[in-house]
Amino acid sequence: MRLLLSLLVFISLLNSLGAESPPSDGVQVLADLPYKQGEALTDYEKNRCKLDVYLPKDRKGFATLVWFHGGGLKNGD
């Protein structure tokens, strides 16, 4: 129950930030990091298989949440 509540609070926080305004104060952003490698990648994989990592500046030992969207996206944007 505590994990679910934490997740809901985190999602609310993400929604309040908006897609166009990532956090900037005290946050280091590592953008467009590829998570697939190799010579056999398709153009789609080269373009889309990237992630952004938001890290607190000057802090170690922080809690981490990793969220992978699920839902069977097969085509479209």
N, C-alpha and C. Protein backbone atom coordinates (compact mmCIF):
# COMPACT_ATOMS: atom_id res chain seq x y z
N MET A 1 0.83 -1.19 0.00
CA MET A 1 0.00 0.00 0.00
C MET A 1 0.88 1.26 0.00
N ARG A 2 1.94 1.23 0.78
CA ARG A 2 2.83 2.38 0.86
C ARG A 2 3.51 2.64 -0.49
N LEU A 3 3.90 1.56 -1.18
CA LEU A 3 4.52 1.70 -2.50
C LEU A 3 3.53 2.29 -3.50
N LEU A 4 2.30 1.83 -3.48
CA LEU A 4 1.27 2.36 -4.38
C LEU A 4 1.04 3.84 -4.13
N LEU A 5 0.97 4.24 -2.87
CA LEU A 5 0.78 5.65 -2.54
C LEU A 5 1.96 6.48 -3.03
N SER A 6 3.18 5.97 -2.83
CA SER A 6 4.37 6.69 -3.31
C SER A 6 4.34 6.84 -4.83
N LEU A 7 3.94 5.79 -5.52
CA LEU A 7 3.86 5.84 -6.97
C LEU A 7 2.82 6.86 -7.43
N LEU A 8 1.67 6.91 -6.79
CA LEU A 8 0.64 7.88 -7.15
C LEU A 8 1.11 9.31 -6.92
N VAL A 9 1.84 9.54 -5.84
CA VAL A 9 2.37 10.88 -5.57
C VAL A 9 3.39 11.25 -6.64
N PHE A 10 4.24 10.30 -7.02
CA PHE A 10 5.24 10.56 -8.05
C PHE A 10 4.58 10.88 -9.38
N ILE A 11 3.54 10.14 -9.75
CA ILE A 11 2.83 10.39 -11.01
C ILE A 11 2.17 11.77 -10.98
N SER A 12 1.60 12.14 -9.85
CA SER A 12 1.01 13.47 -9.73
C SER A 12 2.05 14.55 -9.90
N LEU A 13 3.22 14.32 -9.32
CA LEU A 13 4.31 15.28 -9.46
C LEU A 13 4.73 15.41 -10.92
N LEU A 14 4.87 14.29 -11.62
CA LEU A 14 5.23 14.33 -13.04
C LEU A 14 4.18 15.08 -13.85
N ASN A 15 2.92 14.82 -13.58
CA ASN A 15 1.85 15.50 -14.31
C ASN A 15 1.87 17.01 -14.05
N SER A 16 2.20 17.41 -12.84
CA SER A 16 2.21 18.85 -12.54
C SER A 16 3.39 19.55 -13.20
N LEU A 17 4.47 18.81 -13.51
CA LEU A 17 5.62 19.42 -14.17
C LEU A 17 5.36 19.72 -15.63
N GLY A 18 4.55 18.90 -16.27
CA GLY A 18 4.24 19.09 -17.68
C GLY A 18 5.35 18.56 -18.56
N ALA A 19 5.01 18.18 -19.76
CA ALA A 19 5.97 17.57 -20.68
C ALA A 19 6.99 18.57 -21.21
N GLU A 20 6.65 19.84 -21.23
CA GLU A 20 7.52 20.84 -21.82
C GLU A 20 8.48 21.47 -20.82
N SER A 21 8.32 21.19 -19.54
CA SER A 21 9.16 21.87 -18.55
C SER A 21 9.75 20.87 -17.55
N PRO A 22 10.83 20.19 -17.93
CA PRO A 22 11.47 19.28 -16.98
C PRO A 22 12.08 20.05 -15.83
N PRO A 23 12.24 19.43 -14.68
CA PRO A 23 12.79 20.14 -13.53
C PRO A 23 14.21 20.62 -13.82
N SER A 24 14.58 21.77 -13.26
CA SER A 24 15.91 22.30 -13.52
C SER A 24 16.69 22.62 -12.25
N ASP A 25 16.04 23.02 -11.18
CA ASP A 25 16.75 23.36 -9.95
C ASP A 25 17.23 22.11 -9.25
N GLY A 26 18.53 22.00 -9.08
CA GLY A 26 19.09 20.89 -8.34
C GLY A 26 19.02 19.56 -9.06
N VAL A 27 18.78 19.59 -10.38
CA VAL A 27 18.64 18.35 -11.15
C VAL A 27 19.62 18.36 -12.31
N GLN A 28 20.34 17.26 -12.45
CA GLN A 28 21.22 17.06 -13.60
C GLN A 28 20.48 16.17 -14.58
N VAL A 29 20.36 16.62 -15.84
CA VAL A 29 19.63 15.87 -16.86
C VAL A 29 20.62 15.27 -17.85
N LEU A 30 20.55 13.96 -18.01
CA LEU A 30 21.31 13.27 -19.04
C LEU A 30 20.30 12.86 -20.10
N ALA A 31 20.31 13.55 -21.24
CA ALA A 31 19.27 13.37 -22.24
C ALA A 31 19.72 12.47 -23.39
N ASP A 32 18.75 11.77 -23.95
CA ASP A 32 18.92 10.97 -25.16
C ASP A 32 20.04 9.93 -25.07
N LEU A 33 20.07 9.21 -23.97
CA LEU A 33 21.06 8.14 -23.80
C LEU A 33 20.55 6.88 -24.50
N PRO A 34 21.29 6.35 -25.46
CA PRO A 34 20.82 5.13 -26.14
C PRO A 34 20.91 3.93 -25.20
N TYR A 35 19.87 3.10 -25.21
CA TYR A 35 19.90 1.90 -24.38
C TYR A 35 19.97 0.62 -25.21
N LYS A 36 20.16 0.76 -26.51
CA LYS A 36 20.41 -0.38 -27.39
C LYS A 36 21.66 -0.07 -28.19
N GLN A 37 22.48 -1.08 -28.40
CA GLN A 37 23.71 -0.88 -29.14
C GLN A 37 23.87 -1.97 -30.20
N GLY A 38 24.73 -1.72 -31.14
CA GLY A 38 25.04 -2.72 -32.14
C GLY A 38 24.89 -2.19 -33.55
N GLU A 39 25.45 -2.93 -34.48
CA GLU A 39 25.41 -2.52 -35.88
C GLU A 39 24.10 -2.89 -36.56
N ALA A 40 23.34 -3.79 -35.99
CA ALA A 40 22.12 -4.27 -36.63
C ALA A 40 20.87 -3.49 -36.22
N LEU A 41 21.03 -2.32 -35.62
CA LEU A 41 19.87 -1.53 -35.20
C LEU A 41 19.16 -0.93 -36.40
N THR A 42 17.84 -0.91 -36.34
CA THR A 42 17.05 -0.25 -37.37
C THR A 42 17.13 1.26 -37.16
N ASP A 43 16.70 2.02 -38.16
CA ASP A 43 16.65 3.48 -38.01
C ASP A 43 15.73 3.87 -36.86
N TYR A 44 14.63 3.13 -36.72
CA TYR A 44 13.69 3.40 -35.62
C TYR A 44 14.40 3.23 -34.27
N GLU A 45 15.13 2.13 -34.10
CA GLU A 45 15.82 1.88 -32.84
C GLU A 45 16.88 2.93 -32.56
N LYS A 46 17.58 3.35 -33.59
CA LYS A 46 18.60 4.39 -33.42
C LYS A 46 17.98 5.71 -32.99
N ASN A 47 16.81 6.00 -33.51
CA ASN A 47 16.14 7.27 -33.23
C ASN A 47 15.34 7.24 -31.93
N ARG A 48 14.67 6.13 -31.64
CA ARG A 48 13.71 6.09 -30.54
C ARG A 48 14.17 5.40 -29.27
N CYS A 49 15.13 4.52 -29.35
CA CYS A 49 15.53 3.75 -28.16
C CYS A 49 16.53 4.54 -27.33
N LYS A 50 16.03 5.63 -26.76
CA LYS A 50 16.83 6.53 -25.94
C LYS A 50 16.05 6.85 -24.68
N LEU A 51 16.76 7.24 -23.66
CA LEU A 51 16.08 7.62 -22.42
C LEU A 51 16.72 8.86 -21.84
N ASP A 52 15.96 9.53 -21.00
CA ASP A 52 16.44 10.69 -20.26
C ASP A 52 16.55 10.29 -18.80
N VAL A 53 17.63 10.68 -18.16
CA VAL A 53 17.85 10.37 -16.75
C VAL A 53 17.92 11.69 -16.00
N TYR A 54 17.14 11.81 -14.93
CA TYR A 54 17.11 13.00 -14.09
C TYR A 54 17.73 12.62 -12.75
N LEU A 55 18.87 13.24 -12.43
CA LEU A 55 19.61 12.93 -11.21
C LEU A 55 19.70 14.16 -10.32
N PRO A 56 19.60 13.97 -9.01
CA PRO A 56 19.81 15.12 -8.13
C PRO A 56 21.27 15.54 -8.16
N LYS A 57 21.50 16.84 -8.20
CA LYS A 57 22.88 17.35 -8.20
C LYS A 57 23.47 17.21 -6.80
N ASP A 58 24.76 16.93 -6.75
CA ASP A 58 25.52 16.91 -5.49
C ASP A 58 24.88 16.01 -4.43
N ARG A 59 24.35 14.86 -4.84
CA ARG A 59 23.73 13.97 -3.87
C ARG A 59 23.97 12.53 -4.28
N LYS A 60 24.26 11.69 -3.32
CA LYS A 60 24.46 10.27 -3.58
C LYS A 60 23.55 9.48 -2.64
N GLY A 61 23.26 8.25 -3.00
CA GLY A 61 22.46 7.39 -2.13
C GLY A 61 20.99 7.75 -2.12
N PHE A 62 20.45 8.21 -3.24
CA PHE A 62 19.04 8.61 -3.31
C PHE A 62 18.18 7.46 -3.81
N ALA A 63 16.91 7.51 -3.50
CA ALA A 63 15.96 6.50 -3.98
C ALA A 63 15.77 6.67 -5.48
N THR A 64 15.48 5.58 -6.17
CA THR A 64 15.35 5.60 -7.62
C THR A 64 14.06 4.90 -8.04
N LEU A 65 13.38 5.49 -9.00
CA LEU A 65 12.19 4.88 -9.58
C LEU A 65 12.43 4.74 -11.07
N VAL A 66 12.24 3.54 -11.59
CA VAL A 66 12.36 3.30 -13.02
C VAL A 66 10.98 2.90 -13.52
N TRP A 67 10.53 3.59 -14.58
CA TRP A 67 9.19 3.33 -15.10
C TRP A 67 9.29 3.05 -16.59
N PHE A 68 8.86 1.87 -16.98
CA PHE A 68 8.78 1.51 -18.38
C PHE A 68 7.31 1.46 -18.76
N HIS A 69 6.94 2.22 -19.78
CA HIS A 69 5.55 2.21 -20.23
C HIS A 69 5.24 0.85 -20.83
N GLY A 70 4.13 0.31 -20.45
CA GLY A 70 3.67 -0.94 -21.03
C GLY A 70 2.35 -0.67 -21.74
N GLY A 71 1.95 -1.53 -22.60
CA GLY A 71 0.64 -1.32 -23.19
C GLY A 71 0.54 -1.69 -24.63
N GLY A 72 1.47 -2.37 -25.18
CA GLY A 72 1.32 -2.90 -26.53
C GLY A 72 1.30 -1.87 -27.64
N LEU A 73 2.11 -0.83 -27.54
CA LEU A 73 2.19 0.13 -28.64
C LEU A 73 2.82 -0.58 -29.84
N LYS A 74 2.09 -0.64 -30.92
CA LYS A 74 2.58 -1.37 -32.09
C LYS A 74 2.83 -0.47 -33.28
N ASN A 75 2.15 0.67 -33.37
CA ASN A 75 2.40 1.59 -34.46
C ASN A 75 1.89 2.97 -34.07
N GLY A 76 2.14 3.94 -34.91
CA GLY A 76 1.71 5.30 -34.62
C GLY A 76 2.79 6.09 -33.93
N ASP A 77 2.43 7.23 -33.37
CA ASP A 77 3.40 8.11 -32.70
C ASP A 77 3.49 7.75 -31.23
